[in-house]
Amino acid sequence: MLARLASPALLAIAVCALNAAPSSADDLPFLGKWDCGVATFTFTADTYNNGSEDMPIEEVQEGSDGSYTLLFADDYTISLTGFTDDAMGWLSSSGESLECKRAE
């Protein structure tokens, strides 16, 4: 029924949006261990460890530029950008910025 009500253009946009999202958590480029200078950070699909504590990830948002924003409790966020095979940028909502190298 929904397909009959939606225009072909809207359906095409919906399909493209679904295809743009990672097909599984394994596709997230930030997963693993990263040496960010101040500590080794560890990312799983549902937790972030800042070198001293595990923080549950409440939501992962993918940007159109290939960046990722991780949302945590208390309005804390981390943006991860500029991915290569062995490097990424890390920016917290508190304004701290780090360059990270893959540690695995």
Protein backbone atom coordinates (compact mmCIF):
# COMPACT_ATOMS: atom_id res chain seq x y z
CA MET A 1 0.00 0.00 0.00
CA LEU A 2 2.80 2.44 0.86
CA ALA A 3 4.43 1.85 -2.52
CA ARG A 4 1.23 2.94 -4.25
CA LEU A 5 1.09 6.16 -2.22
CA ALA A 6 4.74 7.17 -2.57
CA SER A 7 6.13 8.65 -5.74
CA PRO A 8 8.94 6.83 -7.58
CA ALA A 9 11.32 9.66 -6.69
CA LEU A 10 10.60 9.29 -2.97
CA LEU A 11 11.10 5.55 -3.18
CA ALA A 12 14.43 6.05 -4.96
CA ILE A 13 15.58 8.47 -2.24
CA ALA A 14 14.59 5.97 0.46
CA VAL A 15 16.49 3.15 -1.26
CA CYS A 16 19.59 5.34 -1.67
CA ALA A 17 19.44 6.35 2.01
CA LEU A 18 19.25 2.72 3.06
CA ASN A 19 22.15 1.77 0.80
CA ALA A 20 24.30 4.64 2.13
CA ALA A 21 24.22 3.28 5.68
CA PRO A 22 26.77 0.65 6.65
CA SER A 23 25.33 -2.81 6.06
CA SER A 24 26.58 -3.97 9.44
CA ALA A 25 28.56 -2.80 12.42
CA ASP A 26 31.59 -4.56 10.91
CA ASP A 27 31.65 -1.89 8.19
CA LEU A 28 32.33 0.96 10.64
CA PRO A 29 35.86 2.26 9.91
CA PHE A 30 36.56 3.37 13.49
CA LEU A 31 36.21 -0.07 15.10
CA GLY A 32 39.29 -1.33 16.91
CA LYS A 33 42.16 0.20 18.87
CA TRP A 34 43.55 3.66 18.11
CA ASP A 35 46.61 5.38 19.57
CA CYS A 36 45.47 8.97 19.98
CA GLY A 37 48.55 10.22 21.81
CA VAL A 38 46.90 10.79 25.19
CA ALA A 39 45.68 7.16 25.43
CA THR A 40 44.76 4.15 23.36
CA PHE A 41 41.05 4.36 22.57
CA THR A 42 39.02 1.25 21.79
CA PHE A 43 35.81 1.31 19.75
CA THR A 44 33.33 -1.53 19.41
CA ALA A 45 29.93 -1.29 17.74
CA ASP A 46 28.34 -0.34 21.07
CA THR A 47 31.09 0.94 23.40
CA TYR A 48 33.93 3.42 23.43
CA ASN A 49 36.83 3.07 25.87
CA ASN A 50 38.82 6.27 26.39
CA GLY A 51 41.74 4.42 27.97
CA SER A 52 40.20 4.32 31.42
CA GLU A 53 36.45 3.72 31.18
CA ASP A 54 33.87 2.09 28.91
CA MET A 55 31.18 4.43 27.63
CA PRO A 56 28.05 2.98 26.00
CA ILE A 57 27.44 4.43 22.53
CA GLU A 58 23.79 5.52 22.34
CA GLU A 59 23.76 6.29 18.61
CA VAL A 60 26.09 6.38 15.60
CA GLN A 61 25.35 8.97 12.91
CA GLU A 62 27.12 8.80 9.54
CA GLY A 63 27.79 12.10 7.79
CA SER A 64 27.56 12.57 4.05
CA ASP A 65 31.32 13.23 4.03
CA GLY A 66 32.19 9.81 5.51
CA SER A 67 32.57 11.12 9.06
CA TYR A 68 30.87 9.56 12.07
CA THR A 69 29.39 11.18 15.15
CA LEU A 70 29.02 9.03 18.25
CA LEU A 71 26.41 10.11 20.78
CA PHE A 72 26.71 9.32 24.49
CA ALA A 73 24.84 10.09 27.69
CA ASP A 74 24.75 13.68 28.96
CA ASP A 75 24.93 15.19 25.46
CA TYR A 76 28.57 14.17 25.00
CA THR A 77 29.60 13.50 21.38
CA ILE A 78 32.71 12.46 19.49
CA SER A 79 33.22 13.14 15.79
CA LEU A 80 35.54 10.83 13.86
CA THR A 81 36.80 12.06 10.49
CA GLY A 82 39.43 11.80 7.78
CA PHE A 83 39.69 8.03 7.70
CA THR A 84 42.60 6.29 6.01
CA ASP A 85 43.65 2.69 6.58
CA ASP A 86 45.69 3.70 9.61
CA ALA A 87 44.62 7.20 10.71
CA MET A 88 41.60 9.25 11.75
CA GLY A 89 40.77 12.55 13.38
CA TRP A 90 38.97 12.64 16.76
CA LEU A 91 37.02 15.67 18.01
CA SER A 92 35.01 15.77 21.23
CA SER A 93 32.06 18.03 22.00
CA SER A 94 34.27 19.61 24.69
CA GLY A 95 36.55 20.91 21.91
CA GLU A 96 39.52 18.57 22.26
CA SER A 97 41.00 17.46 18.93
CA LEU A 98 43.38 14.52 18.41
CA GLU A 99 45.06 12.74 15.52
CA CYS A 100 44.84 8.97 15.96
CA LYS A 101 46.80 6.09 14.43
CA ARG A 102 45.46 2.54 14.28
CA ALA A 103 47.04 0.51 17.08
CA GLU A 104 46.11 -2.97 15.81
